[in-house]
Amino acid sequence: MILQSQVSYEQTDNGYKVIFKDITDENIKELTDNKNKIFRKSEDRNKLLQAIFKDNFKPCQNNSPANKDEKFEIPYLCLDFGIGAKIARREDFVPAEDWTMTETADYTLPLSKVDSDIKFYELNLNGNKLTEKLLLNDNQNLFSGKTNWTESELICWLLEKIANSFVTPEDFVEFSRRVINQLINEKKFTLEELVRLRFSIKKLLEEKIEILIDRAYQESWKTILFADETPKVCVTKEIAFSFDAMHYPAKKFHIGSEHFNKHFYAEIGYMNEEEIICAQFIDANPKVETWIRNIEREPNYSFWLPTHKDKFYPNFVVKLKDGTFAAIEYKGEVYKTNDDSKEKNMLGKIWANKSHGLCKFLMAVKRDDLGRNLSTQINEFLLD
């Protein structure tokens, strides 16, 4: 542990100089691993980072908007069910009350693709001796020793083993019955064979149910967000997320030679190389008043929009000098066309369209469909 007597620092013309006396290799590792916890105040952390990273670190601006107690509020995406707007959350996209798995008409269970790494063991107790034998994944070993359960007994066993608060027992029983019938009638399994494979059926059925529920949420999400009837989608300045000027809970911070002048907080959350480039273009844009590296998985301290599964945290949230707002998400080449990115892009555009000019959204990529590079995309977007 580093003792207070081992540490001293003084202000210089170029920042801070920190001196550590009698520091061991173990102390250096402690400093590196815990650099963001040792000093809680941003000004003290700057002093520590200056000492550790020397020329590779420039202290953050202590006159940041957050340190001046300035406000940064950005409108949420809201839903109005006829009694006033409220923040839109995933819970609002629950499928209709009459939705059932049985109505999906999708009863396929890929039992023919049981994981090849599933191992079955036969345990025999002979007197005081326990013997163990590995059974390979072949029909002869799996289906030996028939179990004369009825279909109802198998379904009841599955119902007991699979807990899902979203699905009613009645729906589960009927859906399971149809799944079992399809396996017997189309896949040519016997009931006895299915009983022997009941643990594999349980696993595959759980996965199937989660897929069907996810699809139902996604369809409900699309229906509500694109519907012109109640609930109405809206964006209003009166219902906005307010960034906490006193708390910015990034787990890792940006360390590097890049210097930013307009970040809302004195510190900046971690960014990869491409995100750093985005941040530089945002920081340099003359229309930008301030911006924030938005932190994922911090719903109480970061701005988010509701997806059908969870929450979407855009990489950058920007406050422009004209009083409007922008959210910018960067997607690398590998991710820019996947389903997750498409949903986030759609959601961001809905948020912007419903704001009547108050907000705008950009899904930035290294080079877009018009051939524009990252710099052109961000500058044209912010200056528009």
Protein backbone atom coordinates (compact mmCIF):
# COMPACT_ATOMS: atom_id res chain seq x y z
CA MET A 1 0.00 0.00 0.00
CA ILE A 2 1.23 3.49 -0.84
CA LEU A 3 1.51 5.70 2.23
CA GLN A 4 0.53 9.36 2.18
CA SER A 5 4.08 10.24 3.21
CA GLN A 6 5.33 8.67 -0.05
CA VAL A 7 3.32 11.00 -2.29
CA SER A 8 3.72 14.70 -2.95
CA TYR A 9 2.80 16.96 -5.86
CA GLU A 10 3.13 20.53 -6.97
CA GLN A 11 1.68 22.67 -9.73
CA THR A 12 3.92 23.60 -12.63
CA ASP A 13 3.55 25.84 -15.69
CA ASN A 14 2.52 22.81 -17.77
CA GLY A 15 0.24 21.03 -15.31
CA TYR A 16 1.15 18.99 -12.24
CA LYS A 17 4.22 17.20 -11.06
CA VAL A 18 3.71 14.21 -8.73
CA ILE A 19 6.57 12.58 -6.86
CA PHE A 20 6.41 9.07 -5.43
CA LYS A 21 9.18 8.14 -2.99
CA ASP A 22 10.43 4.60 -2.35
CA ILE A 23 8.03 3.06 -4.86
CA THR A 24 8.32 -0.69 -5.50
CA ASP A 25 7.20 -2.67 -8.55
CA GLU A 26 4.18 -3.77 -6.52
CA ASN A 27 3.31 -0.12 -5.83
CA ILE A 28 3.53 0.72 -9.53
CA LYS A 29 1.10 -2.10 -10.35
CA GLU A 30 -1.23 -0.80 -7.65
CA LEU A 31 -1.13 2.67 -9.19
CA THR A 32 -1.85 1.37 -12.68
CA ASP A 33 -4.67 -0.97 -11.62
CA ASN A 34 -6.37 1.56 -9.36
CA LYS A 35 -5.49 4.92 -10.90
CA ASN A 36 -9.15 5.98 -11.11
CA LYS A 37 -9.95 4.98 -7.51
CA ILE A 38 -6.99 6.33 -5.55
CA PHE A 39 -8.03 9.97 -5.92
CA ARG A 40 -11.78 10.55 -6.14
CA LYS A 41 -11.75 14.20 -7.23
CA SER A 42 -11.08 14.81 -10.88
CA GLU A 43 -8.40 17.40 -10.13
CA ASP A 44 -6.51 14.93 -7.92
CA ARG A 45 -6.91 12.14 -10.45
CA ASN A 46 -5.42 14.41 -13.11
CA LYS A 47 -2.37 14.85 -10.89
CA LEU A 48 -2.00 11.11 -10.48
CA LEU A 49 -2.45 10.36 -14.18
CA GLN A 50 0.04 13.09 -15.06
CA ALA A 51 2.62 11.35 -12.91
CA ILE A 52 1.94 7.87 -14.27
CA PHE A 53 1.62 8.65 -17.97
CA LYS A 54 3.82 11.76 -18.15
CA ASP A 55 3.91 13.14 -21.72
CA ASN A 56 1.13 10.81 -22.88
CA PHE A 57 -1.45 12.51 -20.69
CA LYS A 58 -2.90 16.01 -20.77
CA PRO A 59 -4.98 17.06 -17.78
CA CYS A 60 -8.69 17.45 -18.48
CA GLN A 61 -10.21 20.90 -18.33
CA ASN A 62 -11.22 21.70 -14.76
CA ASN A 63 -13.43 24.52 -16.07
CA SER A 64 -15.70 22.01 -17.81
CA PRO A 65 -19.45 22.76 -17.98
CA ALA A 66 -20.14 20.10 -15.31
CA ASN A 67 -17.66 21.74 -12.94
CA LYS A 68 -19.51 25.01 -13.48
CA ASP A 69 -22.80 23.30 -12.52
CA GLU A 70 -24.23 23.86 -15.98
CA LYS A 71 -27.19 21.71 -17.06
CA PHE A 72 -27.27 19.22 -19.91
CA GLU A 73 -30.77 17.88 -20.56
CA ILE A 74 -31.81 15.95 -23.65
CA PRO A 75 -35.39 14.82 -24.50
CA TYR A 76 -36.40 11.19 -24.05
CA LEU A 77 -38.46 9.20 -26.53
CA CYS A 78 -41.96 9.14 -25.01
CA LEU A 79 -45.30 7.40 -25.43
CA ASP A 80 -48.68 9.02 -24.82
CA PHE A 81 -51.44 6.55 -23.96
CA GLY A 82 -54.03 9.34 -23.83
CA ILE A 83 -53.29 10.53 -20.31
CA GLY A 84 -50.06 12.39 -20.99
CA ALA A 85 -46.59 11.55 -22.26
CA LYS A 86 -44.25 9.26 -20.33
CA ILE A 87 -40.80 7.85 -20.98
CA ALA A 88 -40.96 4.90 -23.39
CA ARG A 89 -39.55 1.71 -21.86
CA ARG A 90 -39.24 -1.88 -22.99
CA GLU A 91 -42.15 -2.85 -20.73
CA ASP A 92 -44.43 -0.72 -22.91
CA PHE A 93 -43.89 -3.05 -25.85
CA VAL A 94 -45.34 -6.15 -24.21
CA PRO A 95 -47.29 -8.16 -26.82
CA ALA A 96 -51.08 -8.06 -26.71
CA GLU A 97 -52.76 -9.86 -23.81
CA ASP A 98 -54.21 -12.47 -26.18
CA TRP A 99 -50.77 -13.36 -27.64
CA THR A 100 -49.89 -17.03 -27.27
CA MET A 101 -47.01 -19.22 -28.41
CA THR A 102 -49.54 -21.67 -29.83
CA GLU A 103 -50.69 -19.10 -32.40
CA THR A 104 -47.19 -18.79 -33.85
CA ALA A 105 -47.67 -22.06 -35.77
CA ASP A 106 -43.95 -22.71 -35.35
CA TYR A 107 -43.50 -25.96 -33.48
CA THR A 108 -40.15 -27.03 -34.88
CA LEU A 109 -37.62 -28.28 -32.36
CA PRO A 110 -34.20 -29.13 -33.83
CA LEU A 111 -33.71 -32.39 -31.93
CA SER A 112 -31.69 -33.72 -34.84
CA LYS A 113 -29.07 -31.11 -33.94
CA VAL A 114 -28.52 -32.04 -30.31
CA ASP A 115 -25.19 -30.55 -29.27
CA SER A 116 -22.40 -32.97 -30.08
CA ASP A 117 -20.68 -32.13 -26.80
CA ILE A 118 -23.59 -33.40 -24.68
CA LYS A 119 -22.36 -36.44 -22.76
CA PHE A 120 -24.51 -39.10 -21.12
CA TYR A 121 -23.32 -41.21 -18.22
CA GLU A 122 -24.58 -44.47 -16.84
CA LEU A 123 -24.09 -44.91 -13.11
CA ASN A 124 -24.38 -48.34 -11.50
CA LEU A 125 -24.25 -49.06 -7.80
CA ASN A 126 -23.13 -52.64 -7.16
CA GLY A 127 -22.95 -53.18 -3.43
CA ASN A 128 -20.62 -50.47 -2.16
CA LYS A 129 -19.02 -49.88 -5.54
CA LEU A 130 -20.14 -47.11 -7.91
CA THR A 131 -19.20 -47.60 -11.58
CA GLU A 132 -19.46 -44.91 -14.22
CA LYS A 133 -19.74 -45.44 -17.96
CA LEU A 134 -19.72 -42.81 -20.73
CA LEU A 135 -22.51 -43.26 -23.29
CA LEU A 136 -21.82 -41.83 -26.72
CA ASN A 137 -24.36 -39.84 -28.72
CA ASP A 138 -25.84 -42.70 -30.70
CA ASN A 139 -29.39 -43.96 -30.82
CA GLN A 140 -28.62 -47.40 -29.41
CA ASN A 141 -27.16 -46.01 -26.19
CA LEU A 142 -29.53 -43.04 -25.84
CA PHE A 143 -32.73 -44.97 -26.38
CA SER A 144 -31.96 -48.13 -24.47
CA GLY A 145 -34.08 -48.78 -21.42
CA LYS A 146 -37.52 -47.55 -22.57
CA THR A 147 -39.47 -45.33 -20.22
CA ASN A 148 -43.21 -45.85 -20.43
CA TRP A 149 -44.36 -42.31 -19.66
CA THR A 150 -47.54 -40.95 -21.17
CA GLU A 151 -47.57 -37.80 -23.25
CA SER A 152 -49.25 -35.94 -20.37
CA GLU A 153 -46.56 -37.05 -17.94
CA LEU A 154 -43.81 -35.78 -20.26
CA ILE A 155 -45.58 -32.42 -20.71
CA CYS A 156 -46.14 -32.08 -16.94
CA TRP A 157 -42.45 -32.80 -16.36
CA LEU A 158 -41.47 -30.09 -18.86
CA LEU A 159 -43.92 -27.63 -17.29
CA GLU A 160 -42.39 -28.26 -13.88
CA LYS A 161 -38.81 -27.84 -15.15
CA ILE A 162 -39.33 -24.77 -17.37
CA ALA A 163 -40.33 -21.61 -15.53
CA ASN A 164 -41.37 -18.57 -17.57
CA SER A 165 -43.62 -15.93 -16.05
CA PHE A 166 -44.53 -14.56 -19.47
CA VAL A 167 -46.17 -17.78 -20.69
CA THR A 168 -49.37 -19.12 -19.12
CA PRO A 169 -49.46 -22.80 -18.09
CA GLU A 170 -52.34 -23.39 -20.53
CA ASP A 171 -50.35 -21.96 -23.43
CA PHE A 172 -47.26 -23.92 -22.42
CA VAL A 173 -49.16 -27.22 -22.23
CA GLU A 174 -50.80 -26.80 -25.64
CA PHE A 175 -47.61 -25.57 -27.30
CA SER A 176 -45.58 -28.46 -25.83
CA ARG A 177 -48.23 -30.93 -26.97
CA ARG A 178 -47.96 -29.67 -30.55
CA VAL A 179 -44.16 -29.74 -30.41
CA ILE A 180 -44.20 -33.35 -29.22
CA ASN A 181 -46.76 -34.36 -31.84
CA GLN A 182 -44.63 -32.85 -34.59
CA LEU A 183 -41.57 -34.71 -33.34
CA ILE A 184 -43.54 -37.96 -33.36
CA ASN A 185 -45.50 -37.48 -36.61
CA GLU A 186 -42.94 -35.68 -38.77
CA LYS A 187 -39.57 -36.53 -37.23
CA LYS A 188 -40.56 -40.15 -36.50
CA PHE A 189 -39.50 -40.20 -32.85
CA THR A 190 -41.36 -42.49 -30.52
CA LEU A 191 -42.74 -41.16 -27.27
CA GLU A 192 -40.36 -43.44 -25.38
CA GLU A 193 -37.40 -41.96 -27.25
CA LEU A 194 -38.57 -38.43 -26.40
CA VAL A 195 -38.81 -39.34 -22.74
CA ARG A 196 -35.22 -40.54 -22.84
CA LEU A 197 -34.25 -37.25 -24.49
CA ARG A 198 -36.32 -35.11 -22.14
CA PHE A 199 -33.34 -33.09 -20.84
CA SER A 200 -32.35 -32.16 -24.39
CA ILE A 201 -36.00 -31.33 -25.15
CA LYS A 202 -36.11 -29.12 -22.06
CA LYS A 203 -33.04 -27.18 -23.15
CA LEU A 204 -34.24 -26.74 -26.75
CA LEU A 205 -37.76 -25.84 -25.66
CA GLU A 206 -36.45 -23.12 -23.31
CA GLU A 207 -34.44 -21.64 -26.18
CA LYS A 208 -37.49 -21.85 -28.47
CA ILE A 209 -39.70 -20.02 -25.99
CA GLU A 210 -37.17 -17.20 -25.57
CA ILE A 211 -36.96 -16.80 -29.36
CA LEU A 212 -40.75 -16.61 -29.70
CA ILE A 213 -41.07 -14.07 -26.88
CA ASP A 214 -38.28 -11.97 -28.40
CA ARG A 215 -40.05 -11.99 -31.78
CA ALA A 216 -43.31 -10.97 -30.11
CA TYR A 217 -41.64 -8.02 -28.38
CA GLN A 218 -40.00 -6.97 -31.63
CA GLU A 219 -43.29 -7.02 -33.55
CA SER A 220 -45.03 -5.07 -30.78
CA TRP A 221 -42.12 -2.58 -30.70
CA LYS A 222 -42.45 -1.94 -34.43
CA THR A 223 -46.24 -1.73 -34.30
CA ILE A 224 -46.25 0.87 -31.50
CA LEU A 225 -43.41 3.01 -32.83
CA PHE A 226 -44.87 3.23 -36.32
CA ALA A 227 -48.56 3.48 -35.38
CA ASP A 228 -50.47 6.73 -35.74
CA GLU A 229 -52.98 5.76 -33.07
CA THR A 230 -52.73 5.45 -29.30
CA PRO A 231 -50.16 5.19 -27.87
CA LYS A 232 -48.63 8.08 -29.77
CA VAL A 233 -44.86 8.39 -29.99
CA CYS A 234 -43.60 11.85 -29.06
CA VAL A 235 -40.51 13.78 -28.03
CA THR A 236 -40.92 16.77 -25.77
CA LYS A 237 -38.43 19.05 -24.07
CA GLU A 238 -40.47 18.82 -20.88
CA ILE A 239 -39.57 15.13 -20.40
CA ALA A 240 -35.81 14.98 -20.68
CA PHE A 241 -32.85 13.12 -19.26
CA SER A 242 -30.58 15.31 -17.14
CA PHE A 243 -26.91 14.38 -16.87
CA ASP A 244 -25.62 14.47 -13.31
CA ALA A 245 -22.93 17.14 -13.15
CA MET A 246 -21.45 15.55 -10.03
CA HIS A 247 -21.20 11.94 -11.22
CA TYR A 248 -19.84 10.41 -14.42
CA PRO A 249 -19.36 6.68 -13.65
CA ALA A 250 -17.11 5.58 -16.50
CA LYS A 251 -15.35 2.32 -15.66
CA LYS A 252 -12.37 3.30 -17.83
CA PHE A 253 -11.26 6.76 -18.91
CA HIS A 254 -9.71 8.09 -22.09
CA ILE A 255 -5.94 8.35 -21.73
CA GLY A 256 -4.01 9.84 -24.62
CA SER A 257 -2.42 12.86 -26.23
CA GLU A 258 -5.69 14.05 -27.81
CA HIS A 259 -7.00 17.22 -26.21
CA PHE A 260 -10.72 18.02 -26.09
CA ASN A 261 -12.16 21.40 -25.19
CA LYS A 262 -15.92 20.85 -25.14
CA HIS A 263 -16.58 17.65 -23.21
CA PHE A 264 -19.25 18.25 -20.57
CA TYR A 265 -17.27 16.48 -17.86
CA ALA A 266 -13.66 17.09 -16.87
CA GLU A 267 -12.94 13.49 -17.83
CA ILE A 268 -13.92 11.42 -20.85
CA GLY A 269 -14.98 7.79 -20.86
CA TYR A 270 -12.91 5.25 -22.75
CA MET A 271 -13.01 5.40 -26.56
CA ASN A 272 -11.49 3.12 -29.16
CA GLU A 273 -9.43 4.57 -32.00
CA GLU A 274 -12.36 5.18 -34.35
CA GLU A 275 -14.49 6.70 -31.59
CA ILE A 276 -11.63 9.06 -30.75
CA ILE A 277 -11.70 10.29 -34.35
CA CYS A 278 -15.47 10.85 -34.07
CA ALA A 279 -14.96 12.76 -30.85
CA GLN A 280 -12.32 15.00 -32.45
CA PHE A 281 -14.67 15.96 -35.29
CA ILE A 282 -17.49 16.63 -32.81
CA ASP A 283 -15.27 18.70 -30.51
CA ALA A 284 -13.94 20.80 -33.39
CA ASN A 285 -17.32 21.56 -34.96
CA PRO A 286 -18.26 25.26 -34.53
CA LYS A 287 -21.94 24.48 -33.89
CA VAL A 288 -21.19 22.28 -30.88
CA GLU A 289 -21.60 23.82 -27.44
CA THR A 290 -20.73 20.69 -25.46
CA TRP A 291 -20.83 16.89 -25.81
CA ILE A 292 -20.61 13.72 -23.73
CA ARG A 293 -19.08 10.31 -24.29
CA ASN A 294 -22.23 8.43 -23.28
CA ILE A 295 -21.61 5.44 -20.98
CA GLU A 296 -23.32 2.12 -21.66
CA ARG A 297 -25.27 0.19 -19.04
CA GLU A 298 -25.73 3.22 -16.78
CA PRO A 299 -29.44 4.08 -17.19
CA ASN A 300 -29.40 6.54 -14.28
CA TYR A 301 -26.42 8.49 -15.60
CA SER A 302 -26.59 8.10 -19.39
CA PHE A 303 -29.05 8.91 -22.16
CA TRP A 304 -30.83 5.92 -23.71
CA LEU A 305 -33.56 4.94 -26.14
CA PRO A 306 -35.70 1.78 -25.72
CA THR A 307 -35.05 -1.20 -27.98
CA HIS A 308 -37.34 -4.24 -28.00
CA LYS A 309 -34.78 -6.08 -25.86
CA ASP A 310 -33.19 -3.49 -23.61
CA LYS A 311 -31.74 0.02 -23.96
CA PHE A 312 -29.66 1.73 -26.65
CA TYR A 313 -26.94 4.12 -25.44
CA PRO A 314 -25.64 6.25 -28.37
CA ASN A 315 -21.87 6.72 -28.25
CA PHE A 316 -22.05 10.51 -28.24
CA VAL A 317 -24.68 12.98 -27.04
CA VAL A 318 -24.26 16.53 -28.32
CA LYS A 319 -25.72 19.88 -27.28
CA LEU A 320 -25.62 22.43 -30.10
CA LYS A 321 -25.35 26.19 -29.71
CA ASP A 322 -28.77 26.75 -31.27
CA GLY A 323 -30.45 24.79 -28.44
CA THR A 324 -30.97 21.55 -30.39
CA PHE A 325 -29.49 18.15 -29.64
CA ALA A 326 -27.79 15.34 -31.53
CA ALA A 327 -27.02 11.69 -30.82
CA ILE A 328 -24.26 9.98 -32.78
CA GLU A 329 -23.57 6.25 -32.86
CA TYR A 330 -20.45 4.90 -34.57
CA LYS A 331 -20.49 1.41 -36.09
CA GLY A 332 -17.44 -0.39 -37.39
CA GLU A 333 -17.44 -2.24 -40.68
CA VAL A 334 -18.27 -5.61 -39.10
CA TYR A 335 -21.35 -4.33 -37.27
CA LYS A 336 -22.85 -1.63 -39.46
CA THR A 337 -25.37 -3.87 -41.28
CA ASN A 338 -26.34 -6.39 -38.60
CA ASP A 339 -29.87 -6.53 -37.17
CA ASP A 340 -28.87 -4.79 -33.95
CA SER A 341 -27.44 -1.81 -35.85
CA LYS A 342 -30.49 -1.63 -38.12
CA GLU A 343 -32.82 -1.49 -35.11
CA LYS A 344 -30.73 1.20 -33.39
CA ASN A 345 -30.59 3.27 -36.58
CA MET A 346 -34.37 2.98 -37.00
CA LEU A 347 -34.94 3.91 -33.36
CA GLY A 348 -32.64 6.93 -33.53
CA LYS A 349 -34.39 8.23 -36.64
CA ILE A 350 -37.83 7.82 -35.04
CA TRP A 351 -36.60 9.79 -32.01
CA ALA A 352 -35.31 12.54 -34.30
CA ASN A 353 -38.40 12.62 -36.56
CA LYS A 354 -40.80 12.87 -33.62
CA SER A 355 -38.87 15.79 -32.10
CA HIS A 356 -39.97 18.29 -34.79
CA GLY A 357 -36.44 19.56 -35.33
CA LEU A 358 -35.34 19.55 -31.70
CA CYS A 359 -33.16 16.43 -32.07
CA LYS A 360 -31.16 14.71 -34.79
CA PHE A 361 -29.51 11.31 -35.09
CA LEU A 362 -26.60 9.91 -37.08
CA MET A 363 -25.37 6.35 -37.46
CA ALA A 364 -21.80 7.10 -38.52
CA VAL A 365 -19.57 4.62 -40.33
CA LYS A 366 -16.06 4.69 -41.72
CA ARG A 367 -17.45 5.35 -45.21
CA ASP A 368 -21.17 5.59 -45.93
CA ASP A 369 -23.25 4.56 -48.96
CA LEU A 370 -22.63 7.97 -50.56
CA GLY A 371 -18.88 7.47 -50.30
CA ARG A 372 -18.47 10.11 -47.58
CA ASN A 373 -15.71 9.65 -45.03
CA LEU A 374 -16.28 10.03 -41.29
CA SER A 375 -15.27 13.69 -41.21
CA THR A 376 -17.72 14.64 -43.96
CA GLN A 377 -20.57 12.64 -42.40
CA ILE A 378 -20.24 14.31 -39.00
CA ASN A 379 -19.62 17.83 -40.25
CA GLU A 380 -22.48 17.81 -42.75
CA PHE A 381 -24.76 16.26 -40.15
CA LEU A 382 -23.98 18.86 -37.47
CA LEU A 383 -23.97 21.82 -39.83
CA ASP A 384 -27.26 20.85 -41.51
